[in-house]
């Protein structure tokens, strides 16, 4: 089973640099308040701390500090508060705004970064056929193995300086933007003697209408000027702009040099933990799935670990997969901590249906298999649901952590309370499953303060390092206005409301916030949680958990039906304190 991993002790605070106020300094001012003394030991600062342009930071341009939100002095202040940092390394992709991709656009075949990204046609040339739109369509036996995050093939066509369009691998977001064309621009750029200003106006109108309709300008009909179409289209293409996240070619040494430079930079920023975002998509090989290839994924992870060891960094591979696939066990068995994406759904099920059965099964597994985790209730993303399944034995609740019927019941409960969803797609573009449900954890629990209070207590008592989303701490509710106006990723904005100083002041007056801070402080400071966990026998509708470390002890007794609970904490000197929550 897994080897012992020495994760930093204490509770992790999780937020964007501008989740509270306008800049990181506003978060720091909050953490300096007396109410937050000894509550957190680490801070997972989401990647808008770096220069980025999309996906709320996960489309990274470079890993320098974003000076609009963060300063070096901010990080030094957090160190003075004895707060360690957890950062992201977005392993699979970089923004089209990155220096590497911009160099490719500028220099094309002469760019030193030509192979830094994945040329789709070059990758598939021996494993597919060139289609009418200029990109290779993989043979069916390869196509059916692709794990897609969107309905179409994962490509973005890139205009090279020679005028050719090259498809590059693009698993996640993309957008091509054309600037509006004017008659003046056409007349200035084109050397067509018979072209009048009126003609240029008409052509500009046709071009702009096609672009606004998101149609292919190469298929445009320019009537009597069709003989000049190539030159006219080239004027438009000169101003083509891209948004998106381009997959990196891990077969290129340039990419590994980049990883080394980046991990060194994260250490210089004060990092201790590094979350490997989207790592399972990195290893790609024809004839295999583009998600968690074996043994290639392990070879890459081991190579990354050797680099991280140079800089005294702990890597945390982030992966969403079904419990039945066992990938979490494989990652843990190879000496890495894992994200406990199973915990949030299990907590919702336990509180909504009044049973500890499935939650305790998972806690026992963590203990028996010595799996090191970082757990959470809410986060910047959604509440995982697919993770709980075993698709191979859908009707057997003992095969997954919950049966399909129980998972659907959890989804329906959260959706009835205003949750939103993100779906996954098959190679044919059809929706195949819910990926996650987006909601604040408070709203997912029906905005019941006692349920939230108990959920937090359970989190503090299960094995692993607890991570706390800022909005859950303040019992944040679903933000429907933000979700509705958020565009492509709007469903995620339901749980990302920015809090003002007034919101913090107002929140700290509420007992549910103060009680959570009390629970977090206990978990962050008591040596009992450095010891061993005992699961005490009790009725299925209850929980009875005890941590012991020499003379220090902490016990949680909870009723999952009426949500009342008590915590008894005994210090090494025998001094006992009992906290009751009803």
Protein backbone atom coordinates (compact mmCIF):
# COMPACT_ATOMS: atom_id res chain seq x y z
CA UNK A 1 0.00 0.00 0.00
CA UNK A 2 0.98 3.66 0.09
CA UNK A 3 4.20 4.81 1.68
CA UNK A 4 4.13 7.34 4.52
CA UNK A 5 3.91 10.91 3.22
CA UNK A 6 4.89 13.76 5.49
CA UNK A 7 2.26 16.36 4.58
CA UNK A 8 2.47 19.68 6.41
CA UNK A 9 0.31 19.74 9.54
CA UNK A 10 -2.71 21.94 10.08
CA UNK A 11 -5.66 23.36 8.16
CA UNK A 12 -5.47 24.82 4.64
CA UNK A 13 -7.29 28.03 3.70
CA UNK A 14 -8.39 28.09 0.06
CA UNK A 15 -9.21 31.21 -1.97
CA UNK A 16 -8.32 33.31 -4.98
CA UNK A 17 -6.08 36.32 -4.30
CA UNK A 18 -9.14 38.55 -4.81
CA UNK A 19 -11.82 36.36 -3.19
CA UNK A 20 -11.94 38.82 -0.30
CA UNK A 21 -11.72 42.50 -1.14
CA UNK A 22 -9.77 43.35 -4.28
CA UNK A 23 -6.25 42.02 -3.71
CA UNK A 24 -4.33 39.45 -1.69
CA UNK A 25 -3.50 42.09 0.89
CA UNK A 26 -7.22 42.18 1.80
CA UNK A 27 -7.17 38.43 2.50
CA UNK A 28 -4.08 38.96 4.65
CA UNK A 29 -5.81 41.70 6.63
CA UNK A 30 -8.61 39.24 7.40
CA UNK A 31 -6.19 36.49 8.46
CA UNK A 32 -4.53 38.97 10.84
CA UNK A 33 -7.80 39.49 12.70
CA UNK A 34 -7.89 37.98 16.23
CA UNK A 35 -10.77 35.69 15.21
CA UNK A 36 -8.38 33.91 12.80
CA UNK A 37 -5.50 33.42 15.21
CA UNK A 38 -4.19 29.82 14.98
CA UNK A 39 -6.95 28.80 12.57
CA UNK A 40 -4.85 28.11 9.44
CA UNK A 41 -1.34 26.82 8.79
CA UNK A 42 -1.40 26.79 4.98
CA UNK A 43 -2.93 28.83 2.19
CA UNK A 44 -3.86 27.31 -1.16
CA UNK A 45 -3.77 30.41 -3.35
CA UNK A 46 -5.51 29.73 -6.64
CA UNK A 47 -3.60 30.49 -9.85
CA UNK A 48 -4.73 34.05 -10.54
CA UNK A 49 -1.75 34.67 -8.27
CA UNK A 50 0.14 34.15 -11.55
CA UNK A 51 -0.33 35.83 -14.93
CA UNK A 52 -3.30 34.24 -16.68
CA UNK A 53 -6.13 35.08 -19.04
CA UNK A 54 -8.95 32.50 -18.79
CA UNK A 55 -10.67 29.90 -16.65
CA UNK A 56 -10.18 31.98 -13.50
CA UNK A 57 -6.43 31.45 -13.57
CA UNK A 58 -6.06 27.94 -14.95
CA UNK A 59 -5.05 29.26 -18.36
CA UNK A 60 -1.60 30.40 -17.29
CA UNK A 61 0.57 32.75 -19.32
CA UNK A 62 3.56 32.47 -17.00
CA UNK A 63 4.27 31.73 -13.34
CA UNK A 64 5.45 35.20 -12.40
CA UNK A 65 3.38 36.99 -9.76
CA UNK A 66 0.33 38.84 -11.05
CA UNK A 67 1.25 42.31 -9.81
CA UNK A 68 -2.35 43.51 -10.23
CA UNK A 69 -3.37 41.26 -7.33
CA UNK A 70 -0.22 40.20 -5.47
CA UNK A 71 3.08 41.61 -4.29
CA UNK A 72 6.20 39.98 -2.92
CA UNK A 73 5.51 41.84 0.34
CA UNK A 74 2.13 40.05 0.58
CA UNK A 75 3.83 36.66 0.53
CA UNK A 76 6.35 37.80 3.14
CA UNK A 77 3.50 38.93 5.42
CA UNK A 78 1.92 35.48 5.17
CA UNK A 79 5.24 33.87 6.08
CA UNK A 80 5.35 36.09 9.15
CA UNK A 81 1.96 34.59 10.07
CA UNK A 82 3.60 31.12 9.78
CA UNK A 83 1.47 30.27 6.75
CA UNK A 84 2.91 27.91 4.13
CA UNK A 85 1.80 28.02 0.49
CA UNK A 86 0.16 25.56 -1.84
CA UNK A 87 0.30 26.45 -5.53
CA UNK A 88 -0.88 24.99 -8.83
CA UNK A 89 1.23 23.71 -11.69
CA UNK A 90 -1.15 23.32 -14.63
CA UNK A 91 0.68 20.39 -16.12
CA UNK A 92 -1.19 19.65 -19.33
CA UNK A 93 -1.48 23.05 -20.93
CA UNK A 94 -0.49 26.71 -21.23
CA UNK A 95 -2.39 29.76 -22.41
CA UNK A 96 -2.18 30.83 -26.04
CA UNK A 97 -0.94 34.08 -24.48
CA UNK A 98 2.17 32.35 -23.16
CA UNK A 99 5.55 33.47 -24.54
CA UNK A 100 6.01 29.99 -26.01
CA UNK A 101 2.79 29.98 -28.03
CA UNK A 102 3.22 33.58 -29.11
CA UNK A 103 6.69 32.69 -30.41
CA UNK A 104 5.11 29.84 -32.40
CA UNK A 105 2.57 32.23 -33.94
CA UNK A 106 5.29 34.70 -34.85
CA UNK A 107 7.96 32.36 -36.19
CA UNK A 108 6.02 29.26 -37.27
CA UNK A 109 8.29 26.47 -38.46
CA UNK A 110 11.32 28.49 -37.33
CA UNK A 111 10.09 28.78 -33.73
CA UNK A 112 12.11 27.01 -31.05
CA UNK A 113 8.72 26.12 -29.55
CA UNK A 114 7.29 24.42 -32.64
CA UNK A 115 7.33 21.07 -30.81
CA UNK A 116 6.52 22.55 -27.39
CA UNK A 117 2.85 22.02 -28.25
CA UNK A 118 1.27 19.01 -30.00
CA UNK A 119 0.85 19.20 -33.78
CA UNK A 120 -2.35 17.15 -34.17
CA UNK A 121 -1.67 16.02 -37.75
CA UNK A 122 1.91 15.05 -36.94
CA UNK A 123 0.72 13.06 -33.92
CA UNK A 124 -1.98 11.14 -35.82
CA UNK A 125 -0.45 10.96 -39.30
CA UNK A 126 0.00 7.16 -39.24
CA UNK A 127 -3.18 6.50 -37.28
CA UNK A 128 -5.90 8.27 -39.26
CA UNK A 129 -6.94 9.87 -42.52
CA UNK A 130 -6.76 13.48 -43.58
CA UNK A 131 -10.27 14.91 -43.55
CA UNK A 132 -11.78 17.54 -45.85
CA UNK A 133 -11.21 20.31 -43.29
CA UNK A 134 -7.44 19.77 -43.22
CA UNK A 135 -7.01 17.78 -40.02
CA UNK A 136 -6.42 14.08 -39.52
CA UNK A 137 -9.40 12.11 -38.28
CA UNK A 138 -8.10 9.22 -36.15
CA UNK A 139 -9.20 5.72 -37.10
CA UNK A 140 -12.31 4.58 -35.27
CA UNK A 141 -10.43 2.22 -32.94
CA UNK A 142 -8.35 5.20 -31.73
CA UNK A 143 -11.15 7.74 -31.78
CA UNK A 144 -13.36 5.68 -29.49
CA UNK A 145 -10.63 5.71 -26.82
CA UNK A 146 -10.46 9.50 -26.63
CA UNK A 147 -11.74 11.06 -23.41
CA UNK A 148 -13.22 14.41 -24.42
CA UNK A 149 -14.01 17.52 -22.37
CA UNK A 150 -16.12 19.04 -25.17
CA UNK A 151 -18.24 17.75 -28.06
CA UNK A 152 -15.76 18.22 -30.95
CA UNK A 153 -12.26 16.94 -31.61
CA UNK A 154 -9.74 18.62 -29.28
CA UNK A 155 -7.99 20.79 -31.86
CA UNK A 156 -7.36 24.48 -32.50
CA UNK A 157 -6.25 25.51 -35.98
CA UNK A 158 -3.31 27.88 -35.79
CA UNK A 159 -2.44 30.26 -38.64
CA UNK A 160 1.32 30.07 -39.37
CA UNK A 161 3.24 33.00 -40.90
CA UNK A 162 3.24 31.22 -44.30
CA UNK A 163 -0.57 31.34 -44.33
CA UNK A 164 -1.11 27.67 -43.58
CA UNK A 165 -3.46 26.49 -40.84
CA UNK A 166 -2.01 23.83 -38.52
CA UNK A 167 -4.24 21.92 -36.05
CA UNK A 168 -2.80 21.73 -32.53
CA UNK A 169 -4.09 19.62 -29.64
CA UNK A 170 -6.45 21.61 -27.42
CA UNK A 171 -8.21 19.53 -24.72
CA UNK A 172 -9.84 22.40 -22.88
CA UNK A 173 -11.08 25.89 -23.78
CA UNK A 174 -10.58 27.64 -27.11
CA UNK A 175 -11.89 30.67 -28.94
CA UNK A 176 -10.83 32.35 -32.18
CA UNK A 177 -11.54 36.06 -32.33
CA UNK A 178 -11.55 38.19 -35.50
CA UNK A 179 -11.47 41.95 -35.42
CA UNK A 180 -14.06 43.87 -37.39
CA UNK A 181 -12.96 44.69 -40.92
CA UNK A 182 -13.33 48.21 -42.35
CA UNK A 183 -13.40 49.38 -45.93
CA UNK A 184 -10.39 51.60 -45.20
CA UNK A 185 -8.38 48.60 -44.01
CA UNK A 186 -9.26 46.57 -47.12
CA UNK A 187 -8.37 49.41 -49.48
CA UNK A 188 -5.07 49.99 -47.70
CA UNK A 189 -4.08 46.30 -47.63
CA UNK A 190 -5.28 45.15 -51.05
CA UNK A 191 -3.80 46.13 -54.40
CA UNK A 192 -6.90 45.59 -56.54
CA UNK A 193 -7.27 48.36 -59.11
CA UNK A 194 -10.99 47.86 -59.75
CA UNK A 195 -11.85 47.87 -56.00
CA UNK A 196 -13.88 51.00 -55.17
CA UNK A 197 -14.69 52.31 -51.72
CA UNK A 198 -18.29 51.14 -52.19
CA UNK A 199 -17.04 47.65 -53.12
CA UNK A 200 -14.81 47.61 -50.05
CA UNK A 201 -17.77 48.63 -47.87
CA UNK A 202 -19.87 45.75 -49.27
CA UNK A 203 -17.06 43.21 -48.82
CA UNK A 204 -16.44 44.41 -45.26
CA UNK A 205 -20.15 43.98 -44.46
CA UNK A 206 -20.14 40.42 -45.83
CA UNK A 207 -16.99 39.53 -43.90
CA UNK A 208 -18.24 40.99 -40.63
CA UNK A 209 -21.61 39.25 -40.94
CA UNK A 210 -19.88 35.89 -41.47
CA UNK A 211 -17.54 36.44 -38.52
CA UNK A 212 -20.33 37.57 -36.21
CA UNK A 213 -22.24 34.41 -37.15
CA UNK A 214 -19.15 32.33 -36.20
CA UNK A 215 -19.02 30.87 -39.72
CA UNK A 216 -15.93 29.76 -41.63
CA UNK A 217 -14.63 32.77 -43.58
CA UNK A 218 -12.77 30.47 -46.00
CA UNK A 219 -16.19 29.42 -47.34
CA UNK A 220 -17.34 33.00 -47.96
CA UNK A 221 -18.91 33.97 -51.30
CA UNK A 222 -17.55 37.31 -52.54
CA UNK A 223 -19.30 37.27 -55.91
CA UNK A 224 -17.31 39.10 -58.59
CA UNK A 225 -14.35 39.37 -56.20
CA UNK A 226 -14.08 35.62 -55.55
CA UNK A 227 -10.91 35.57 -57.65
CA UNK A 228 -9.34 37.77 -54.94
CA UNK A 229 -10.80 35.79 -52.03
CA UNK A 230 -7.45 34.43 -50.85
CA UNK A 231 -5.98 37.91 -50.55
CA UNK A 232 -9.14 39.31 -48.93
CA UNK A 233 -9.35 36.47 -46.39
CA UNK A 234 -5.65 36.88 -45.58
CA UNK A 235 -6.35 40.47 -44.49
CA UNK A 236 -8.84 39.14 -41.96
CA UNK A 237 -6.54 36.33 -40.85
CA UNK A 238 -3.70 38.73 -40.10
CA UNK A 239 -5.70 39.99 -37.12
CA UNK A 240 -6.87 36.58 -35.91
CA UNK A 241 -6.58 36.38 -32.12
CA UNK A 242 -6.80 33.30 -29.95
CA UNK A 243 -7.99 32.45 -26.49
CA UNK A 244 -7.44 29.03 -25.07
CA UNK A 245 -5.28 26.45 -23.36
CA UNK A 246 -2.88 24.52 -25.56
CA UNK A 247 -1.74 21.01 -24.62
CA UNK A 248 1.98 20.63 -23.99
CA UNK A 249 4.09 18.03 -25.77
CA UNK A 250 5.71 16.08 -22.96
CA UNK A 251 7.92 14.30 -25.52
CA UNK A 252 9.79 17.59 -25.92
CA UNK A 253 12.78 18.30 -23.69
CA UNK A 254 11.82 21.99 -23.87
CA UNK A 255 8.66 21.14 -21.91
CA UNK A 256 10.63 19.37 -19.17
CA UNK A 257 13.02 22.29 -18.96
CA UNK A 258 9.93 24.47 -18.50
CA UNK A 259 8.65 22.26 -15.68
CA UNK A 260 12.01 22.48 -13.93
CA UNK A 261 12.11 26.26 -14.25
CA UNK A 262 8.51 26.52 -13.02
CA UNK A 263 8.97 24.33 -9.93
CA UNK A 264 12.06 26.32 -9.06
CA UNK A 265 10.00 29.50 -9.40
CA UNK A 266 7.20 28.13 -7.20
CA UNK A 267 9.72 27.31 -4.50
CA UNK A 268 11.11 30.86 -4.77
CA UNK A 269 7.54 32.15 -4.26
CA UNK A 270 7.48 30.21 -0.99
CA UNK A 271 5.64 27.10 -2.14
CA UNK A 272 5.61 23.86 -0.17
CA UNK A 273 2.77 21.90 -1.80
CA UNK A 274 2.20 21.84 -5.57
CA UNK A 275 -1.08 20.61 -6.98
CA UNK A 276 -0.60 19.02 -10.41
CA UNK A 277 -3.68 20.19 -12.27
CA UNK A 278 -4.85 18.05 -15.23
CA UNK A 279 -1.78 15.77 -14.96
CA UNK A 280 -3.72 12.69 -16.14
CA UNK A 281 -4.12 14.24 -19.62
CA UNK A 282 -0.40 14.82 -20.14
CA UNK A 283 0.74 11.44 -21.47
CA UNK A 284 -0.68 10.84 -24.93
CA UNK A 285 0.00 7.86 -27.16
CA UNK A 286 -1.86 6.64 -30.30
CA UNK A 287 -3.93 3.58 -29.58
CA UNK A 288 -4.42 4.46 -25.92
CA UNK A 289 -6.76 6.70 -23.96
CA UNK A 290 -5.61 10.29 -23.60
CA UNK A 291 -6.44 10.07 -19.88
CA UNK A 292 -4.15 8.34 -17.37
CA UNK A 293 -2.11 6.19 -19.72
CA UNK A 294 -0.07 3.47 -18.08
CA UNK A 295 2.84 3.11 -17.65
CA UNK A 296 3.52 6.50 -19.26
CA UNK A 297 1.69 8.50 -16.59
CA UNK A 298 3.80 6.90 -13.85
CA UNK A 299 7.00 7.60 -15.75
CA UNK A 300 6.04 11.25 -16.06
CA UNK A 301 5.05 11.53 -12.39
CA UNK A 302 8.30 9.98 -11.25
CA UNK A 303 10.25 12.34 -13.50
CA UNK A 304 8.34 15.28 -12.02
CA UNK A 305 8.95 14.05 -8.48
CA UNK A 306 12.70 13.97 -9.07
CA UNK A 307 12.53 17.61 -10.14
CA UNK A 308 10.31 18.56 -7.17
CA UNK A 309 12.68 16.84 -4.74
CA UNK A 310 15.42 19.23 -5.84
CA UNK A 311 13.29 22.11 -4.62
CA UNK A 312 11.85 20.43 -1.48
CA UNK A 313 8.32 20.46 -2.88
CA UNK A 314 5.52 17.92 -2.26
CA UNK A 315 3.51 17.06 -5.37
CA UNK A 316 -0.23 16.52 -5.17
CA UNK A 317 -1.58 14.90 -8.38
CA UNK A 318 -5.15 16.04 -8.98
CA UNK A 319 -7.39 13.45 -10.61
CA UNK A 320 -11.12 12.94 -11.00
CA UNK A 321 -11.93 9.28 -11.61
CA UNK A 322 -14.45 6.74 -10.47
CA UNK A 323 -13.82 4.91 -7.24
CA UNK A 324 -14.25 1.63 -9.11
CA UNK A 325 -11.30 2.44 -11.38
CA UNK A 326 -8.98 2.45 -8.37
CA UNK A 327 -6.77 5.24 -9.71
CA UNK A 328 -6.75 6.97 -6.33
CA UNK A 329 -5.23 3.83 -4.81
CA UNK A 330 -2.61 3.59 -7.55
CA UNK A 331 -1.56 7.22 -7.07
CA UNK A 332 -1.37 6.75 -3.30
CA UNK A 333 0.51 3.45 -3.63
CA UNK A 334 3.14 5.25 -5.70
CA UNK A 335 3.89 7.58 -2.80
CA UNK A 336 1.71 10.61 -3.57
CA UNK A 337 -0.99 12.25 -1.46
CA UNK A 338 -4.37 12.45 -3.19
CA UNK A 339 -7.31 14.79 -3.22
CA UNK A 340 -10.23 13.18 -1.42
CA UNK A 341 -12.89 13.89 -4.01
CA UNK A 342 -15.08 11.15 -2.50
CA UNK A 343 -15.62 12.91 0.83
CA UNK A 344 -17.99 15.79 -0.16
CA UNK A 345 -20.62 13.54 -1.73
CA UNK A 346 -20.40 11.07 1.13
CA UNK A 347 -20.99 13.82 3.66
CA UNK A 348 -24.05 15.09 1.79
CA UNK A 349 -25.43 11.55 1.62
CA UNK A 350 -24.74 10.91 5.33
CA UNK A 351 -26.50 14.10 6.44
CA UNK A 352 -29.42 13.87 4.03
CA UNK A 353 -30.18 10.20 4.65
CA UNK A 354 -29.01 9.93 8.26
CA UNK A 355 -26.55 7.07 7.85
CA UNK A 356 -22.84 6.73 8.61
CA UNK A 357 -22.52 3.43 6.72
CA UNK A 358 -20.82 4.62 3.53
CA UNK A 359 -18.83 7.41 5.13
CA UNK A 360 -17.37 5.01 7.70
CA UNK A 361 -16.52 2.51 4.99
CA UNK A 362 -14.40 5.17 3.30
CA UNK A 363 -12.77 6.29 6.57
CA UNK A 364 -11.84 2.69 7.33
CA UNK A 365 -10.33 2.33 3.88
CA UNK A 366 -8.19 5.44 4.36
CA UNK A 367 -6.86 4.01 7.63
CA UNK A 368 -6.33 0.44 6.43
CA UNK A 369 -4.61 1.44 3.19
CA UNK A 370 -2.68 4.32 4.74
CA UNK A 371 -3.83 6.76 2.07
CA UNK A 372 -2.67 10.35 2.61
CA UNK A 373 -5.28 12.86 1.52
CA UNK A 374 -6.23 16.50 1.34
CA UNK A 375 -9.98 16.73 1.83
CA UNK A 376 -12.54 19.47 1.38
CA UNK A 377 -16.27 20.18 1.41
CA UNK A 378 -16.47 22.95 -1.19
CA UNK A 379 -13.78 24.28 -3.54
CA UNK A 380 -13.26 26.54 -6.57
CA UNK A 381 -14.77 23.82 -8.77
CA UNK A 382 -17.86 21.68 -8.27
CA UNK A 383 -18.96 18.93 -5.90
CA UNK A 384 -17.74 15.62 -7.41
CA UNK A 385 -20.34 12.96 -8.12
CA UNK A 386 -18.96 10.56 -10.75
CA UNK A 387 -16.05 9.86 -8.44
CA UNK A 388 -18.30 7.81 -6.14
CA UNK A 389 -19.31 5.26 -8.80
CA UNK A 390 -18.18 1.93 -10.08
CA UNK A 391 -19.65 1.88 -13.58
CA UNK A 392 -18.83 -1.82 -13.98
CA UNK A 393 -21.22 -2.83 -11.17
CA UNK A 394 -23.77 -0.02 -11.12
CA UNK A 395 -26.48 -1.78 -9.12
CA UNK A 396 -24.25 -2.95 -6.29
CA UNK A 397 -23.73 -0.29 -3.62
CA UNK A 398 -20.78 -2.25 -2.26
CA UNK A 399 -18.92 -1.90 -5.57
CA UNK A 400 -18.77 1.89 -5.56
CA UNK A 401 -18.80 4.15 -2.55
CA UNK A 402 -22.46 4.75 -3.42
CA UNK A 403 -24.72 2.97 -5.89
CA UNK A 404 -25.84 4.75 -9.06
CA UNK A 405 -29.32 5.21 -7.56
CA UNK A 406 -27.87 6.83 -4.43
CA UNK A 407 -25.61 9.08 -6.49
CA UNK A 408 -28.57 10.20 -8.61
CA UNK A 409 -30.49 10.91 -5.42
CA UNK A 410 -27.65 13.14 -4.16
CA UNK A 411 -27.53 14.95 -7.51
CA UNK A 412 -31.29 15.46 -7.53
CA UNK A 413 -31.25 16.80 -3.96
CA UNK A 414 -28.53 19.37 -4.76
CA UNK A 415 -30.13 20.31 -8.08
CA UNK A 416 -33.48 20.86 -6.36
CA UNK A 417 -31.64 23.35 -4.15
CA UNK A 418 -30.38 25.34 -7.15
CA UNK A 419 -27.24 23.48 -8.20
CA UNK A 420 -25.85 23.61 -11.75
CA UNK A 421 -24.04 20.89 -13.70
CA UNK A 422 -21.05 20.33 -15.96
CA UNK A 423 -21.19 17.39 -18.36
CA UNK A 424 -18.69 15.16 -20.16
CA UNK A 425 -18.97 14.04 -23.78
CA UNK A 426 -18.22 10.95 -25.83
CA UNK A 427 -16.41 10.92 -29.21
CA UNK A 428 -19.77 11.31 -30.99
CA UNK A 429 -20.41 14.55 -29.13
CA UNK A 430 -23.22 13.12 -27.01
CA UNK A 431 -23.43 13.85 -23.30
CA UNK A 432 -22.36 10.81 -21.33
CA UNK A 433 -22.61 11.82 -17.67
CA UNK A 434 -22.70 14.50 -15.02
CA UNK A 435 -19.14 15.45 -14.16
CA UNK A 436 -19.85 17.54 -11.10
CA UNK A 437 -22.57 19.60 -9.47
CA UNK A 438 -21.85 23.27 -8.89
CA UNK A 439 -23.21 24.79 -5.69
CA UNK A 440 -21.96 26.25 -2.47
CA UNK A 441 -21.77 23.51 0.12
CA UNK A 442 -24.13 25.47 2.37
CA UNK A 443 -26.78 25.63 -0.37
CA UNK A 444 -26.19 21.96 -1.20
CA UNK A 445 -27.17 21.21 2.41
CA UNK A 446 -30.39 23.20 2.09
CA UNK A 447 -28.81 26.26 3.75
CA UNK A 448 -29.15 24.56 7.13
CA UNK A 449 -26.59 26.05 9.52
CA UNK A 450 -26.54 23.04 11.83
CA UNK A 451 -25.86 20.68 8.92
CA UNK A 452 -22.95 22.89 7.79
CA UNK A 453 -21.62 22.99 11.33
CA UNK A 454 -21.71 19.18 11.59
CA UNK A 455 -20.24 18.72 8.09
CA UNK A 456 -17.28 20.87 9.16
CA UNK A 457 -16.85 18.89 12.37
CA UNK A 458 -16.82 15.62 10.43
CA UNK A 459 -14.20 17.08 8.09
CA UNK A 460 -12.01 18.00 11.05
CA UNK A 461 -12.18 14.43 12.37
CA UNK A 462 -11.60 12.29 9.28
CA UNK A 463 -8.06 11.27 8.23
CA UNK A 464 -6.25 13.72 5.98
CA UNK A 465 -5.33 17.39 5.81
CA UNK A 466 -8.49 19.56 5.77
CA UNK A 467 -8.83 22.33 3.20
CA UNK A 468 -11.48 25.04 3.66
CA UNK A 469 -13.07 27.05 0.86
CA UNK A 470 -13.43 30.69 1.99
CA UNK A 471 -17.10 30.96 0.96
CA UNK A 472 -18.15 27.85 2.90
CA UNK A 473 -16.55 29.30 6.01
CA UNK A 474 -18.94 32.25 5.75
CA UNK A 475 -21.97 30.04 4.87
CA UNK A 476 -22.09 31.44 1.35
CA UNK A 477 -25.24 30.85 -0.71
CA UNK A 478 -25.60 30.04 -4.41
CA UNK A 479 -24.85 33.10 -6.53
CA UNK A 480 -27.33 32.69 -9.38
CA UNK A 481 -26.69 36.12 -10.89
CA UNK A 482 -22.99 35.33 -11.29
CA UNK A 483 -23.76 31.88 -12.70
CA UNK A 484 -26.21 33.27 -15.25
CA UNK A 485 -23.87 36.00 -16.46
CA UNK A 486 -20.64 33.98 -16.38
CA UNK A 487 -20.61 32.74 -19.97
CA UNK A 488 -19.02 29.38 -20.83
CA UNK A 489 -17.85 28.64 -17.30
CA UNK A 490 -20.75 30.39 -15.58
CA UNK A 491 -21.88 27.32 -13.66
CA UNK A 492 -18.69 27.58 -11.58
CA UNK A 493 -19.31 31.21 -10.61
CA UNK A 494 -22.20 30.07 -8.43
CA UNK A 495 -19.63 29.35 -5.71
CA UNK A 496 -17.10 32.16 -6.21
CA UNK A 497 -18.74 35.25 -4.76
CA UNK A 498 -16.25 37.94 -3.79
CA UNK A 499 -16.64 38.98 -0.15
CA UNK A 500 -16.21 42.57 0.96
CA UNK A 501 -14.83 43.80 4.28
CA UNK A 502 -18.45 44.39 5.28
CA UNK A 503 -19.30 40.77 4.44
CA UNK A 504 -16.47 39.57 6.69
CA UNK A 505 -17.56 41.84 9.54
CA UNK A 506 -21.18 40.71 9.13
CA UNK A 507 -20.18 37.03 8.91
CA UNK A 508 -18.10 37.09 12.07
CA UNK A 509 -21.20 38.13 14.02
CA UNK A 510 -22.90 34.85 13.10
CA UNK A 511 -22.61 31.81 15.29
CA UNK A 512 -22.21 29.37 12.39
CA UNK A 513 -19.08 31.22 11.30
CA UNK A 514 -17.66 31.53 14.81
CA UNK A 515 -18.36 27.86 15.51
CA UNK A 516 -16.52 26.80 12.35
CA UNK A 517 -13.54 28.91 13.35
CA UNK A 518 -13.56 27.20 16.74
CA UNK A 519 -13.58 23.77 15.08
CA UNK A 520 -10.80 24.74 12.70
CA UNK A 521 -8.64 26.13 15.50
CA UNK A 522 -9.00 22.89 17.44
CA UNK A 523 -7.98 20.83 14.42
CA UNK A 524 -5.12 23.17 13.59
CA UNK A 525 -3.58 23.27 17.06
CA UNK A 526 -4.37 20.01 18.90
CA UNK A 527 -1.67 17.34 18.87
CA UNK A 528 -4.42 14.70 19.21
CA UNK A 529 -4.83 14.78 15.41
CA UNK A 530 -1.18 13.78 14.96
CA UNK A 531 -2.00 10.44 16.58
CA UNK A 532 -4.32 7.56 15.67
CA UNK A 533 -8.02 7.50 14.89
CA UNK A 534 -10.41 5.01 16.49
CA UNK A 535 -13.91 4.42 15.12
CA UNK A 536 -16.11 3.64 18.11
CA UNK A 537 -19.14 1.36 17.79
CA UNK A 538 -22.47 3.15 17.66
CA UNK A 539 -25.80 3.14 15.84
CA UNK A 540 -25.76 3.65 12.06
CA UNK A 541 -27.43 7.03 12.49
CA UNK A 542 -24.52 8.24 14.63
CA UNK A 543 -20.78 8.87 14.42
CA UNK A 544 -18.29 8.33 17.25
CA UNK A 545 -14.67 9.13 16.34
CA UNK A 546 -11.68 9.50 18.68
CA UNK A 547 -8.15 10.74 17.99
CA UNK A 548 -5.43 9.89 20.52
CA UNK A 549 -1.84 11.02 20.71
CA UNK A 550 -0.18 10.11 24.01
CA UNK A 551 -2.16 12.01 26.65
CA UNK A 552 -4.05 14.24 24.23
CA UNK A 553 -7.46 13.09 22.97
CA UNK A 554 -10.34 14.47 20.88
CA UNK A 555 -13.72 12.74 20.45
CA UNK A 556 -16.61 13.61 18.13
CA UNK A 557 -20.05 12.21 18.93
CA UNK A 558 -22.67 13.13 16.32
CA UNK A 559 -26.30 12.35 15.53
CA UNK A 560 -26.80 12.31 11.75
CA UNK A 561 -30.56 12.65 12.06
CA UNK A 562 -30.95 15.76 14.19
CA UNK A 563 -27.36 17.01 13.43
CA UNK A 564 -26.49 17.64 17.07
CA UNK A 565 -22.94 16.80 18.14
CA UNK A 566 -20.40 17.27 20.88
CA UNK A 567 -16.61 17.34 20.97
CA UNK A 568 -14.61 16.38 24.02
CA UNK A 569 -10.99 17.49 24.03
CA UNK A 570 -8.49 16.39 26.66
CA UNK A 571 -5.09 18.07 26.92
CA UNK A 572 -1.87 16.26 27.86
CA UNK A 573 -2.21 17.66 31.38
CA UNK A 574 -5.65 16.08 31.74
CA UNK A 575 -7.59 19.32 31.35
CA UNK A 576 -10.90 18.47 29.60
CA UNK A 577 -13.08 20.74 27.50
CA UNK A 578 -16.51 19.77 26.12
CA UNK A 579 -18.09 21.63 23.20
CA UNK A 580 -21.75 20.98 22.40
CA UNK A 581 -23.55 22.06 19.24
CA UNK A 582 -27.32 21.70 18.88
